Amino acid sequence: MCEILSNLWRWLCLMPKNETPTSDDDDPNYKTFPHVKKQIESDSIDISDHHVEPISFSSGSTNTEDNIHTSTSHIVVDLSSGCAEDAKTTNAKGKEQPVIDIDCGNQELIPEVVFEEIVTPLISVRRIGPYTSAQRILLVGEGDFSFSASLAVAFGASAANITATSLNTKKYLIKNYGQFVTNKAELETRCSTVLHGVDVTKMLRHPVLGSMVFDRIIFNFPHALNCVATYTKPLPHQKLIREFLLNAKEMIGEGGEIHITSKSNGVYLEWDIPKIGSVIGIKLIQQVKFKRSKYPGYSPKYACDDEDFDCNPSKTYKFGKVTLFR
């Protein structure tokens, strides 16, 4: 028994301290490998690649271990860069090998999101009276288009928010109003829309206007009779205003308003414009004194000629949709 223990102790002492025994010492296809040394802390890991290519033992090769080490590769992974696409392989001689795809396991890779700052140039909003260049404005019943031209000029280089219309044809307006052509040019050079032959009592069915939504709809000095001074009978004028409001209330958006300007003395008071709005279900928001001086270039006209119309005193009635609260 003592002899057996002595032989075992001698055998253990003869083994190299940096090698581990193989499963079969007599088989030439097996060879001892060095222990893996502890990895030094760094941003990369050197992983020995133990996938060894088949070894050809020639008669001239006496050192099998040298053959193995010559074909051994190492994988270097840069931990600071992420995953497999940053991995490179190098052999013992320092030559770069093809990249090996390394499974990152269940680690979730969060892509870097770069937010690009978009700078939007500030567009100044211009104002004239209660109207601004940010509002979608429809003007109806225009005579020589001097009111709509006054708004367009005030809004600057672009007045594309304005749609100006008249009941009369272009040919009629050229014949009867000396400044019509000039006023129309002021509108069109600023990209405003100009339409003729628009009946305010049927504009909801107009092929262009019917599908549009506006913030302000303006009707200045409505009058039902052309070239006939029949101011003592309010009914035709009331009917005109009523039909206009019925159409206009369907063409304004949320927060939109309908403005009617009319004289505020004598027989005009019999028209009772606030009551007409109440009957058809729209709310009178405000009534204010109309000041012609606020609109440079504006010349109120009669329906049949180029004569100026005395608009003092006058009021603007502002209507809006009735909001129902549940």
C-alpha atoms as a PDB file:
ATOM      1  CA  MET A   1       0.000   0.000   0.000  1.00  0.00           C
ATOM      2  CA  CYS A   2       2.791   2.382   0.857  1.00  0.00           C
ATOM      3  CA  GLU A   3       4.433   1.644  -2.454  1.00  0.00           C
ATOM      4  CA  ILE A   4       1.269   2.587  -4.354  1.00  0.00           C
ATOM      5  CA  LEU A   5       0.954   5.889  -2.504  1.00  0.00           C
ATOM      6  CA  SER A   6       4.602   6.650  -3.132  1.00  0.00           C
ATOM      7  CA  ASN A   7       4.257   6.072  -6.877  1.00  0.00           C
ATOM      8  CA  LEU A   8       1.137   8.267  -7.006  1.00  0.00           C
ATOM      9  CA  TRP A   9       2.921  11.078  -5.192  1.00  0.00           C
ATOM     10  CA  ARG A  10       5.895  10.835  -7.568  1.00  0.00           C
ATOM     11  CA  TRP A  11       3.595  10.995 -10.594  1.00  0.00           C
ATOM     12  CA  LEU A  12       1.819  14.088  -9.303  1.00  0.00           C
ATOM     13  CA  CYS A  13       5.066  15.862  -8.618  1.00  0.00           C
ATOM     14  CA  LEU A  14       6.298  15.202 -12.152  1.00  0.00           C
ATOM     15  CA  MET A  15       3.246  16.842 -13.780  1.00  0.00           C
ATOM     16  CA  PRO A  16       3.741  20.438 -15.153  1.00  0.00           C
ATOM     17  CA  LYS A  17       2.124  22.921 -12.778  1.00  0.00           C
ATOM     18  CA  ASN A  18       0.506  24.965 -15.589  1.00  0.00           C
ATOM     19  CA  GLU A  19      -1.060  22.020 -17.420  1.00  0.00           C
ATOM     20  CA  THR A  20      -4.078  19.822 -16.788  1.00  0.00           C
ATOM     21  CA  PRO A  21      -4.171  16.137 -17.576  1.00  0.00           C
ATOM     22  CA  THR A  22      -5.979  14.914 -20.643  1.00  0.00           C
ATOM     23  CA  SER A  23      -8.368  12.022 -20.679  1.00  0.00           C
ATOM     24  CA  ASP A  24      -5.853   9.779 -22.462  1.00  0.00           C
ATOM     25  CA  ASP A  25      -2.099  10.416 -22.167  1.00  0.00           C
ATOM     26  CA  ASP A  26      -1.144   7.762 -24.657  1.00  0.00           C
ATOM     27  CA  ASP A  27      -3.331   9.066 -27.516  1.00  0.00           C
ATOM     28  CA  PRO A  28      -1.248  11.372 -29.783  1.00  0.00           C
ATOM     29  CA  ASN A  29      -4.393  13.273 -30.833  1.00  0.00           C
ATOM     30  CA  TYR A  30      -4.807  14.640 -27.315  1.00  0.00           C
ATOM     31  CA  LYS A  31      -2.597  17.351 -25.902  1.00  0.00           C
ATOM     32  CA  THR A  32      -2.518  19.444 -22.775  1.00  0.00           C
ATOM     33  CA  PHE A  33      -3.542  23.103 -23.011  1.00  0.00           C
ATOM     34  CA  PRO A  34      -2.490  26.003 -20.836  1.00  0.00           C
ATOM     35  CA  HIS A  35      -4.802  27.219 -18.112  1.00  0.00           C
ATOM     36  CA  VAL A  36      -6.703  30.399 -19.039  1.00  0.00           C
ATOM     37  CA  LYS A  37      -5.162  33.294 -17.214  1.00  0.00           C
ATOM     38  CA  LYS A  38      -7.336  35.744 -15.351  1.00  0.00           C
ATOM     39  CA  GLN A  39      -8.528  38.573 -17.653  1.00  0.00           C
ATOM     40  CA  ILE A  40      -7.072  41.928 -16.811  1.00  0.00           C
ATOM     41  CA  GLU A  41      -9.784  44.564 -16.391  1.00  0.00           C
ATOM     42  CA  SER A  42     -10.031  46.722 -19.497  1.00  0.00           C
ATOM     43  CA  ASP A  43     -12.503  47.889 -22.101  1.00  0.00           C
ATOM     44  CA  SER A  44     -11.899  44.714 -24.128  1.00  0.00           C
ATOM     45  CA  ILE A  45     -11.899  40.965 -23.504  1.00  0.00           C
ATOM     46  CA  ASP A  46      -9.432  38.597 -25.146  1.00  0.00           C
ATOM     47  CA  ILE A  47     -11.281  35.309 -25.603  1.00  0.00           C
ATOM     48  CA  SER A  48      -9.229  32.324 -26.711  1.00  0.00           C
ATOM     49  CA  ASP A  49     -10.793  30.577 -29.652  1.00  0.00           C
ATOM     50  CA  HIS A  50     -10.499  26.843 -28.901  1.00  0.00           C
ATOM     51  CA  HIS A  51     -11.880  25.866 -32.274  1.00  0.00           C
ATOM     52  CA  VAL A  52      -8.612  24.390 -33.516  1.00  0.00           C
ATOM     53  CA  GLU A  53      -8.172  23.484 -37.114  1.00  0.00           C
ATOM     54  CA  PRO A  54      -7.125  19.842 -37.754  1.00  0.00           C
ATOM     55  CA  ILE A  55      -3.446  19.330 -37.082  1.00  0.00           C
ATOM     56  CA  SER A  56      -1.284  17.575 -39.588  1.00  0.00           C
ATOM     57  CA  PHE A  57       1.540  15.712 -37.881  1.00  0.00           C
ATOM     58  CA  SER A  58       4.380  15.373 -40.313  1.00  0.00           C
ATOM     59  CA  SER A  59       7.473  13.408 -39.654  1.00  0.00           C
ATOM     60  CA  GLY A  60       9.435  16.609 -39.376  1.00  0.00           C
ATOM     61  CA  SER A  61       7.199  18.061 -36.699  1.00  0.00           C
ATOM     62  CA  THR A  62       8.463  17.301 -33.264  1.00  0.00           C
ATOM     63  CA  ASN A  63       6.566  19.923 -31.286  1.00  0.00           C
ATOM     64  CA  THR A  64       2.840  19.314 -31.468  1.00  0.00           C
ATOM     65  CA  GLU A  65       2.142  22.130 -29.032  1.00  0.00           C
ATOM     66  CA  ASP A  66       3.770  24.630 -31.393  1.00  0.00           C
ATOM     67  CA  ASN A  67       1.464  23.557 -34.195  1.00  0.00           C
ATOM     68  CA  ILE A  68      -1.556  24.047 -31.999  1.00  0.00           C
ATOM     69  CA  HIS A  69      -0.504  27.486 -30.792  1.00  0.00           C
ATOM     70  CA  THR A  70       0.259  28.603 -34.331  1.00  0.00           C
ATOM     71  CA  SER A  71      -3.302  27.905 -35.476  1.00  0.00           C
ATOM     72  CA  THR A  72      -5.008  29.279 -32.386  1.00  0.00           C
ATOM     73  CA  SER A  73      -7.024  32.496 -32.867  1.00  0.00           C
ATOM     74  CA  HIS A  74      -8.149  35.105 -30.370  1.00  0.00           C
ATOM     75  CA  ILE A  75     -11.269  37.204 -30.352  1.00  0.00           C
ATOM     76  CA  VAL A  76     -11.006  40.735 -29.066  1.00  0.00           C
ATOM     77  CA  VAL A  77     -14.316  42.397 -28.134  1.00  0.00           C
ATOM     78  CA  ASP A  78     -14.424  46.108 -27.470  1.00  0.00           C
ATOM     79  CA  LEU A  79     -16.880  46.402 -24.563  1.00  0.00           C
ATOM     80  CA  SER A  80     -17.197  50.128 -24.998  1.00  0.00           C
ATOM     81  CA  SER A  81     -18.601  49.796 -28.522  1.00  0.00           C
ATOM     82  CA  GLY A  82     -21.464  47.397 -28.019  1.00  0.00           C
ATOM     83  CA  CYS A  83     -21.700  44.017 -29.756  1.00  0.00           C
ATOM     84  CA  ALA A  84     -20.589  41.686 -32.515  1.00  0.00           C
ATOM     85  CA  GLU A  85     -20.142  44.150 -35.319  1.00  0.00           C
ATOM     86  CA  ASP A  86     -17.298  45.741 -33.359  1.00  0.00           C
ATOM     87  CA  ALA A  87     -15.537  42.386 -32.756  1.00  0.00           C
ATOM     88  CA  LYS A  88     -12.308  41.599 -34.579  1.00  0.00           C
ATOM     89  CA  THR A  89     -10.273  38.399 -34.634  1.00  0.00           C
ATOM     90  CA  THR A  90      -6.514  38.272 -34.653  1.00  0.00           C
ATOM     91  CA  ASN A  91      -4.217  35.332 -34.878  1.00  0.00           C
ATOM     92  CA  ALA A  92      -1.099  34.833 -32.844  1.00  0.00           C
ATOM     93  CA  LYS A  93       0.944  36.804 -35.341  1.00  0.00           C
ATOM     94  CA  GLY A  94      -1.327  39.834 -35.046  1.00  0.00           C
ATOM     95  CA  LYS A  95      -3.007  39.441 -38.425  1.00  0.00           C
ATOM     96  CA  GLU A  96      -6.659  40.465 -38.624  1.00  0.00           C
ATOM     97  CA  GLN A  97      -9.103  37.589 -39.231  1.00  0.00           C
ATOM     98  CA  PRO A  98     -12.733  37.706 -40.476  1.00  0.00           C
ATOM     99  CA  VAL A  99     -15.209  39.115 -37.972  1.00  0.00           C
ATOM    100  CA  ILE A 100     -17.030  36.431 -35.967  1.00  0.00           C
ATOM    101  CA  ASP A 101     -20.667  37.064 -35.082  1.00  0.00           C
ATOM    102  CA  ILE A 102     -21.135  36.907 -31.328  1.00  0.00           C
ATOM    103  CA  ASP A 103     -24.559  36.368 -29.794  1.00  0.00           C
ATOM    104  CA  CYS A 104     -25.361  39.153 -27.365  1.00  0.00           C
ATOM    105  CA  GLY A 105     -27.938  37.061 -25.544  1.00  0.00           C
ATOM    106  CA  ASN A 106     -31.021  38.821 -24.257  1.00  0.00           C
ATOM    107  CA  GLN A 107     -29.309  42.168 -23.973  1.00  0.00           C
ATOM    108  CA  GLU A 108     -31.523  44.842 -25.555  1.00  0.00           C
ATOM    109  CA  LEU A 109     -29.684  47.212 -27.838  1.00  0.00           C
ATOM    110  CA  ILE A 110     -31.192  50.685 -27.683  1.00  0.00           C
ATOM    111  CA  PRO A 111     -30.579  52.615 -30.907  1.00  0.00           C
ATOM    112  CA  GLU A 112     -29.298  56.128 -30.593  1.00  0.00           C
ATOM    113  CA  VAL A 113     -31.988  58.659 -31.506  1.00  0.00           C
ATOM    114  CA  VAL A 114     -30.815  62.000 -32.811  1.00  0.00           C
ATOM    115  CA  PHE A 115     -33.331  64.836 -32.696  1.00  0.00           C
ATOM    116  CA  GLU A 116     -32.800  67.435 -35.368  1.00  0.00           C
ATOM    117  CA  GLU A 117     -33.827  70.917 -34.358  1.00  0.00           C
ATOM    118  CA  ILE A 118     -36.162  72.436 -36.929  1.00  0.00           C
ATOM    119  CA  VAL A 119     -36.206  76.199 -36.897  1.00  0.00           C
ATOM    120  CA  THR A 120     -39.418  77.651 -38.306  1.00  0.00           C
ATOM    121  CA  PRO A 121     -39.144  81.268 -39.380  1.00  0.00           C
ATOM    122  CA  LEU A 122     -41.570  83.547 -37.606  1.00  0.00           C
ATOM    123  CA  ILE A 123     -44.276  84.961 -39.842  1.00  0.00           C
ATOM    124  CA  SER A 124     -45.562  88.298 -38.596  1.00  0.00           C
ATOM    125  CA  VAL A 125     -49.330  88.654 -38.368  1.00  0.00           C
ATOM    126  CA  ARG A 126     -50.619  91.967 -39.696  1.00  0.00           C
ATOM    127  CA  ARG A 127     -53.797  93.659 -38.577  1.00  0.00           C
ATOM    128  CA  ILE A 128     -56.276  96.226 -39.834  1.00  0.00           C
ATOM    129  CA  GLY A 129     -59.325  96.982 -37.722  1.00  0.00           C
ATOM    130  CA  PRO A 130     -60.584  93.653 -36.260  1.00  0.00           C
ATOM    131  CA  TYR A 131     -59.076  91.619 -39.126  1.00  0.00           C
ATOM    132  CA  THR A 132     -55.689  89.888 -39.343  1.00  0.00           C
ATOM    133  CA  SER A 133     -53.624  88.218 -42.028  1.00  0.00           C
ATOM    134  CA  ALA A 134     -53.956  84.929 -40.113  1.00  0.00           C
ATOM    135  CA  GLN A 135     -57.733  84.784 -40.619  1.00  0.00           C
ATOM    136  CA  ARG A 136     -59.474  83.172 -43.586  1.00  0.00           C
ATOM    137  CA  ILE A 137     -61.654  86.055 -44.765  1.00  0.00           C
ATOM    138  CA  LEU A 138     -64.579  86.026 -47.190  1.00  0.00           C
ATOM    139  CA  LEU A 139     -65.999  89.342 -48.441  1.00  0.00           C
ATOM    140  CA  VAL A 140     -69.347  89.337 -50.245  1.00  0.00           C
ATOM    141  CA  GLY A 141     -71.362  92.022 -52.047  1.00  0.00           C
ATOM    142  CA  GLU A 142     -68.271  94.053 -52.957  1.00  0.00           C
ATOM    143  CA  GLY A 143     -68.802  97.118 -55.201  1.00  0.00           C
ATOM    144  CA  ASP A 144     -65.515  98.476 -56.538  1.00  0.00           C
ATOM    145  CA  PHE A 145     -63.548  96.093 -54.252  1.00  0.00           C
ATOM    146  CA  SER A 146     -61.972  99.016 -52.412  1.00  0.00           C
ATOM    147  CA  PHE A 147     -62.651  97.503 -48.969  1.00  0.00           C
ATOM    148  CA  SER A 148     -61.062  94.145 -49.768  1.00  0.00           C
ATOM    149  CA  ALA A 149     -58.135  95.942 -51.450  1.00  0.00           C
ATOM    150  CA  SER A 150     -57.628  98.005 -48.275  1.00  0.00           C
ATOM    151  CA  LEU A 151     -57.303  94.773 -46.264  1.00  0.00           C
ATOM    152  CA  ALA A 152     -54.946  93.209 -48.798  1.00  0.00           C
ATOM    153  CA  VAL A 153     -52.590  96.199 -48.826  1.00  0.00           C
ATOM    154  CA  ALA A 154     -52.526  96.231 -45.018  1.00  0.00           C
ATOM    155  CA  PHE A 155     -51.594  92.535 -44.928  1.00  0.00           C
ATOM    156  CA  GLY A 156     -48.473  93.158 -46.993  1.00  0.00           C
ATOM    157  CA  ALA A 157     -46.885  91.125 -49.759  1.00  0.00           C
ATOM    158  CA  SER A 158     -49.252  88.181 -49.351  1.00  0.00           C
ATOM    159  CA  ALA A 159     -53.009  88.320 -48.819  1.00  0.00           C
ATOM    160  CA  ALA A 160     -53.825  84.767 -49.909  1.00  0.00           C
ATOM    161  CA  ASN A 161     -56.171  84.506 -46.931  1.00  0.00           C
ATOM    162  CA  ILE A 162     -58.681  86.851 -48.661  1.00  0.00           C
ATOM    163  CA  THR A 163     -61.510  85.738 -50.940  1.00  0.00           C
ATOM    164  CA  ALA A 164     -63.365  88.769 -52.356  1.00  0.00           C
ATOM    165  CA  THR A 165     -66.634  88.366 -54.282  1.00  0.00           C
ATOM    166  CA  SER A 166     -69.325  90.432 -55.992  1.00  0.00           C
ATOM    167  CA  LEU A 167     -72.832  89.762 -57.268  1.00  0.00           C
ATOM    168  CA  ASN A 168     -72.184  91.737 -60.459  1.00  0.00           C
ATOM    169  CA  THR A 169     -70.080  90.507 -63.357  1.00  0.00           C
ATOM    170  CA  LYS A 170     -66.574  91.665 -64.115  1.00  0.00           C
ATOM    171  CA  LYS A 171     -67.804  93.461 -67.239  1.00  0.00           C
ATOM    172  CA  TYR A 172     -70.404  95.387 -65.224  1.00  0.00           C
ATOM    173  CA  LEU A 173     -67.843  96.409 -62.599  1.00  0.00           C
ATOM    174  CA  ILE A 174     -65.355  97.684 -65.176  1.00  0.00           C
ATOM    175  CA  LYS A 175     -68.075  99.809 -66.739  1.00  0.00           C
ATOM    176  CA  ASN A 176     -69.479 101.283 -63.504  1.00  0.00           C
ATOM    177  CA  TYR A 177     -66.503 101.669 -61.126  1.00  0.00           C
ATOM    178  CA  GLY A 178     -63.427 103.612 -62.154  1.00  0.00           C
ATOM    179  CA  GLN A 179     -61.145 102.097 -59.477  1.00  0.00           C
ATOM    180  CA  PHE A 180     -62.262  98.497 -59.864  1.00  0.00           C
ATOM    181  CA  VAL A 181     -59.392  97.434 -62.147  1.00  0.00           C
ATOM    182  CA  THR A 182     -56.799  99.000 -59.823  1.00  0.00           C
ATOM    183  CA  ASN A 183     -58.360  97.468 -56.715  1.00  0.00           C
ATOM    184  CA  LYS A 184     -58.584  94.055 -58.313  1.00  0.00           C
ATOM    185  CA  ALA A 185     -54.913  94.264 -59.280  1.00  0.00           C
ATOM    186  CA  GLU A 186     -54.001  95.024 -55.648  1.00  0.00           C
ATOM    187  CA  LEU A 187     -55.767  91.818 -54.647  1.00  0.00           C
ATOM    188  CA  GLU A 188     -54.466  89.533 -57.358  1.00  0.00           C
ATOM    189  CA  THR A 189     -50.827  90.613 -57.044  1.00  0.00           C
ATOM    190  CA  ARG A 190     -51.079  89.552 -53.378  1.00  0.00           C
ATOM    191  CA  CYS A 191     -52.544  86.149 -54.291  1.00  0.00           C
ATOM    192  CA  SER A 192     -56.087  86.951 -53.129  1.00  0.00           C
ATOM    193  CA  THR A 193     -59.005  85.157 -54.781  1.00  0.00           C
ATOM    194  CA  VAL A 194     -61.508  87.299 -56.728  1.00  0.00           C
ATOM    195  CA  LEU A 195     -64.868  85.849 -57.806  1.00  0.00           C
ATOM    196  CA  HIS A 196     -67.849  87.407 -59.594  1.00  0.00           C
ATOM    197  CA  GLY A 197     -71.515  86.439 -59.897  1.00  0.00           C
ATOM    198  CA  VAL A 198     -71.730  85.181 -56.296  1.00  0.00           C
ATOM    199  CA  ASP A 199     -75.269  85.264 -54.866  1.00  0.00           C
ATOM    200  CA  VAL A 200     -75.047  85.512 -51.073  1.00  0.00           C
ATOM    201  CA  THR A 201     -78.417  83.766 -50.673  1.00  0.00           C
ATOM    202  CA  LYS A 202     -77.074  80.663 -52.462  1.00  0.00           C
ATOM    203  CA  MET A 203     -73.333  80.740 -51.808  1.00  0.00           C
ATOM    204  CA  LEU A 204     -73.422  77.516 -49.797  1.00  0.00           C
ATOM    205  CA  ARG A 205     -74.029  75.736 -53.117  1.00  0.00           C
ATOM    206  CA  HIS A 206     -71.331  77.692 -54.979  1.00  0.00           C
ATOM    207  CA  PRO A 207     -68.847  75.331 -56.717  1.00  0.00           C
ATOM    208  CA  VAL A 208     -65.848  77.066 -55.132  1.00  0.00           C
ATOM    209  CA  LEU A 209     -67.116  78.622 -51.912  1.00  0.00           C
ATOM    210  CA  GLY A 210     -69.414  75.785 -50.877  1.00  0.00           C
ATOM    211  CA  SER A 211     -66.565  73.571 -49.696  1.00  0.00           C
ATOM    212  CA  MET A 212     -64.568  76.318 -47.984  1.00  0.00           C
ATOM    213  CA  VAL A 213     -64.458  77.273 -44.299  1.00  0.00           C
ATOM    214  CA  PHE A 214     -63.781  80.818 -43.102  1.00  0.00           C
ATOM    215  CA  ASP A 215     -62.893  82.623 -39.895  1.00  0.00           C
ATOM    216  CA  ARG A 216     -64.595  85.876 -40.921  1.00  0.00           C
ATOM    217  CA  ILE A 217     -67.375  86.531 -43.446  1.00  0.00           C
ATOM    218  CA  ILE A 218     -68.008  90.225 -44.172  1.00  0.00           C
ATOM    219  CA  PHE A 219     -71.033  91.845 -45.807  1.00  0.00           C
ATOM    220  CA  ASN A 220     -70.795  95.657 -45.887  1.00  0.00           C
ATOM    221  CA  PHE A 221     -73.958  97.712 -46.397  1.00  0.00           C
ATOM    222  CA  PRO A 222     -76.292  95.048 -47.776  1.00  0.00           C
ATOM    223  CA  HIS A 223     -79.058  96.376 -50.001  1.00  0.00           C
ATOM    224  CA  ALA A 224     -81.706  94.370 -51.799  1.00  0.00           C
ATOM    225  CA  LEU A 225     -82.744  96.844 -54.517  1.00  0.00           C
ATOM    226  CA  ASN A 226     -80.468  98.012 -57.337  1.00  0.00           C
ATOM    227  CA  CYS A 227     -80.747 101.708 -58.216  1.00  0.00           C
ATOM    228  CA  VAL A 228     -84.145 102.032 -56.554  1.00  0.00           C
ATOM    229  CA  ALA A 229     -84.349 104.242 -53.491  1.00  0.00           C
ATOM    230  CA  THR A 230     -87.035 102.255 -51.699  1.00  0.00           C
ATOM    231  CA  TYR A 231     -85.735 102.596 -48.176  1.00  0.00           C
ATOM    232  CA  THR A 232     -89.170 102.794 -46.581  1.00  0.00           C
ATOM    233  CA  LYS A 233     -89.852  99.061 -47.054  1.00  0.00           C
ATOM    234  CA  PRO A 234     -87.601  96.948 -44.816  1.00  0.00           C
ATOM    235  CA  LEU A 235     -88.897  93.504 -45.847  1.00  0.00           C
ATOM    236  CA  PRO A 236     -86.724  92.947 -48.986  1.00  0.00           C
ATOM    237  CA  HIS A 237     -83.594  93.938 -47.081  1.00  0.00           C
ATOM    238  CA  GLN A 238     -84.496  91.752 -44.105  1.00  0.00           C
ATOM    239  CA  LYS A 239     -85.033  88.787 -46.404  1.00  0.00           C
ATOM    240  CA  LEU A 240     -81.659  89.346 -48.048  1.00  0.00           C
ATOM    241  CA  ILE A 241     -79.900  89.498 -44.675  1.00  0.00           C
ATOM    242  CA  ARG A 242     -81.737  86.424 -43.389  1.00  0.00           C
ATOM    243  CA  GLU A 243     -80.789  84.276 -46.397  1.00  0.00           C
ATOM    244  CA  PHE A 244     -77.217  85.498 -46.199  1.00  0.00           C
ATOM    245  CA  LEU A 245     -76.925  84.552 -42.521  1.00  0.00           C
ATOM    246  CA  LEU A 246     -78.433  81.095 -43.143  1.00  0.00           C
ATOM    247  CA  ASN A 247     -75.696  80.389 -45.683  1.00  0.00           C
ATOM    248  CA  ALA A 248     -72.858  82.085 -43.836  1.00  0.00           C
ATOM    249  CA  LYS A 249     -73.394  80.273 -40.529  1.00  0.00           C
ATOM    250  CA  GLU A 250     -72.646  76.975 -42.289  1.00  0.00           C
ATOM    251  CA  MET A 251     -69.411  78.345 -43.746  1.00  0.00           C
ATOM    252  CA  ILE A 252     -67.634  79.561 -40.610  1.00  0.00           C
ATOM    253  CA  GLY A 253     -65.362  77.374 -38.560  1.00  0.00           C
ATOM    254  CA  GLU A 254     -65.001  77.071 -34.812  1.00  0.00           C
ATOM    255  CA  GLY A 255     -64.704  80.549 -33.339  1.00  0.00           C
ATOM    256  CA  GLY A 256     -65.685  82.087 -36.680  1.00  0.00           C
ATOM    257  CA  GLU A 257     -67.706  85.294 -36.982  1.00  0.00           C
ATOM    258  CA  ILE A 258     -70.104  86.900 -39.461  1.00  0.00           C
ATOM    259  CA  HIS A 259     -69.867  90.693 -39.754  1.00  0.00           C
ATOM    260  CA  ILE A 260     -72.661  92.828 -41.189  1.00  0.00           C
ATOM    261  CA  THR A 261     -72.094  96.588 -41.403  1.00  0.00           C
ATOM    262  CA  SER A 262     -75.119  98.815 -41.928  1.00  0.00           C
ATOM    263  CA  LYS A 263     -76.210 102.365 -41.268  1.00  0.00           C
ATOM    264  CA  SER A 264     -77.519 102.885 -37.753  1.00  0.00           C
ATOM    265  CA  ASN A 265     -80.017 105.723 -38.115  1.00  0.00           C
ATOM    266  CA  GLY A 266     -83.433 106.460 -39.614  1.00  0.00           C
ATOM    267  CA  VAL A 267     -85.250 103.718 -41.518  1.00  0.00           C
ATOM    268  CA  TYR A 268     -82.213 101.396 -41.331  1.00  0.00           C
ATOM    269  CA  LEU A 269     -82.987 100.767 -37.696  1.00  0.00           C
ATOM    270  CA  GLU A 270     -86.244  99.117 -38.806  1.00  0.00           C
ATOM    271  CA  TRP A 271     -84.283  96.298 -40.366  1.00  0.00           C
ATOM    272  CA  ASP A 272     -83.497  95.081 -36.830  1.00  0.00           C
ATOM    273  CA  ILE A 273     -80.490  93.028 -37.859  1.00  0.00           C
ATOM    274  CA  PRO A 274     -79.805  91.610 -34.340  1.00  0.00           C
ATOM    275  CA  LYS A 275     -83.314  90.114 -34.247  1.00  0.00           C
ATOM    276  CA  ILE A 276     -82.850  88.431 -37.635  1.00  0.00           C
ATOM    277  CA  GLY A 277     -79.764  86.659 -36.313  1.00  0.00           C
ATOM    278  CA  SER A 278     -81.557  85.550 -33.166  1.00  0.00           C
ATOM    279  CA  VAL A 279     -84.471  84.079 -35.149  1.00  0.00           C
ATOM    280  CA  ILE A 280     -82.241  81.845 -37.282  1.00  0.00           C
ATOM    281  CA  GLY A 281     -80.233  80.616 -34.291  1.00  0.00           C
ATOM    282  CA  ILE A 282     -76.994  82.594 -34.270  1.00  0.00           C
ATOM    283  CA  LYS A 283     -75.709  84.718 -31.419  1.00  0.00           C
ATOM    284  CA  LEU A 284     -74.985  88.444 -31.525  1.00  0.00           C
ATOM    285  CA  ILE A 285     -71.485  88.655 -30.074  1.00  0.00           C
ATOM    286  CA  GLN A 286     -70.947  92.399 -30.329  1.00  0.00           C
ATOM    287  CA  GLN A 287     -72.052  95.547 -32.125  1.00  0.00           C
ATOM    288  CA  VAL A 288     -69.498  98.321 -32.603  1.00  0.00           C
ATOM    289  CA  LYS A 289     -69.351 101.674 -34.326  1.00  0.00           C
ATOM    290  CA  PHE A 290     -67.924 101.413 -37.831  1.00  0.00           C
ATOM    291  CA  LYS A 291     -65.097 103.850 -38.611  1.00  0.00           C
ATOM    292  CA  ARG A 292     -64.321 104.258 -42.287  1.00  0.00           C
ATOM    293  CA  SER A 293     -61.044 106.031 -41.480  1.00  0.00           C
ATOM    294  CA  LYS A 294     -59.567 102.736 -40.269  1.00  0.00           C
ATOM    295  CA  TYR A 295     -59.545 101.421 -43.843  1.00  0.00           C
ATOM    296  CA  PRO A 296     -57.391 103.618 -46.128  1.00  0.00           C
ATOM    297  CA  GLY A 297     -58.664 103.706 -49.696  1.00  0.00           C
ATOM    298  CA  TYR A 298     -62.133 102.395 -48.871  1.00  0.00           C
ATOM    299  CA  SER A 299     -64.952 104.168 -50.745  1.00  0.00           C
ATOM    300  CA  PRO A 300     -68.476 102.819 -50.103  1.00  0.00           C
ATOM    301  CA  LYS A 301     -70.453 102.886 -53.372  1.00  0.00           C
ATOM    302  CA  TYR A 302     -74.062 102.713 -54.458  1.00  0.00           C
ATOM    303  CA  ALA A 303     -75.006  99.576 -56.337  1.00  0.00           C
ATOM    304  CA  CYS A 304     -75.730 101.357 -59.634  1.00  0.00           C
ATOM    305  CA  ASP A 305     -72.979 103.977 -60.021  1.00  0.00           C
ATOM    306  CA  ASP A 306     -69.589 105.251 -58.907  1.00  0.00           C
ATOM    307  CA  GLU A 307     -70.965 107.816 -56.468  1.00  0.00           C
ATOM    308  CA  ASP A 308     -69.661 107.649 -52.896  1.00  0.00           C
ATOM    309  CA  PHE A 309     -72.110 106.454 -50.275  1.00  0.00           C
ATOM    310  CA  ASP A 310     -72.348 108.327 -46.952  1.00  0.00           C
ATOM    311  CA  CYS A 311     -71.828 105.587 -44.392  1.00  0.00           C
ATOM    312  CA  ASN A 312     -71.999 107.685 -41.231  1.00  0.00           C
ATOM    313  CA  PRO A 313     -73.258 106.711 -38.731  1.00  0.00           C
ATOM    314  CA  SER A 314     -72.905 102.953 -39.085  1.00  0.00           C
ATOM    315  CA  LYS A 315     -72.506  99.843 -36.942  1.00  0.00           C
ATOM    316  CA  THR A 316     -70.904  96.467 -37.433  1.00  0.00           C
ATOM    317  CA  TYR A 317     -72.922  93.537 -36.039  1.00  0.00           C
ATOM    318  CA  LYS A 318     -70.795  90.521 -35.185  1.00  0.00           C
ATOM    319  CA  PHE A 319     -72.492  87.122 -35.063  1.00  0.00           C
ATOM    320  CA  GLY A 320     -71.212  83.690 -34.059  1.00  0.00           C
ATOM    321  CA  LYS A 321     -72.542  80.173 -33.741  1.00  0.00           C
ATOM    322  CA  VAL A 322     -74.503  79.260 -30.631  1.00  0.00           C
ATOM    323  CA  THR A 323     -72.489  76.805 -28.510  1.00  0.00           C
ATOM    324  CA  LEU A 324     -74.559  74.090 -26.859  1.00  0.00           C
ATOM    325  CA  PHE A 325     -73.235  72.741 -23.555  1.00  0.00           C
ATOM    326  CA  ARG A 326     -74.246  69.260 -22.416  1.00  0.00           C
END
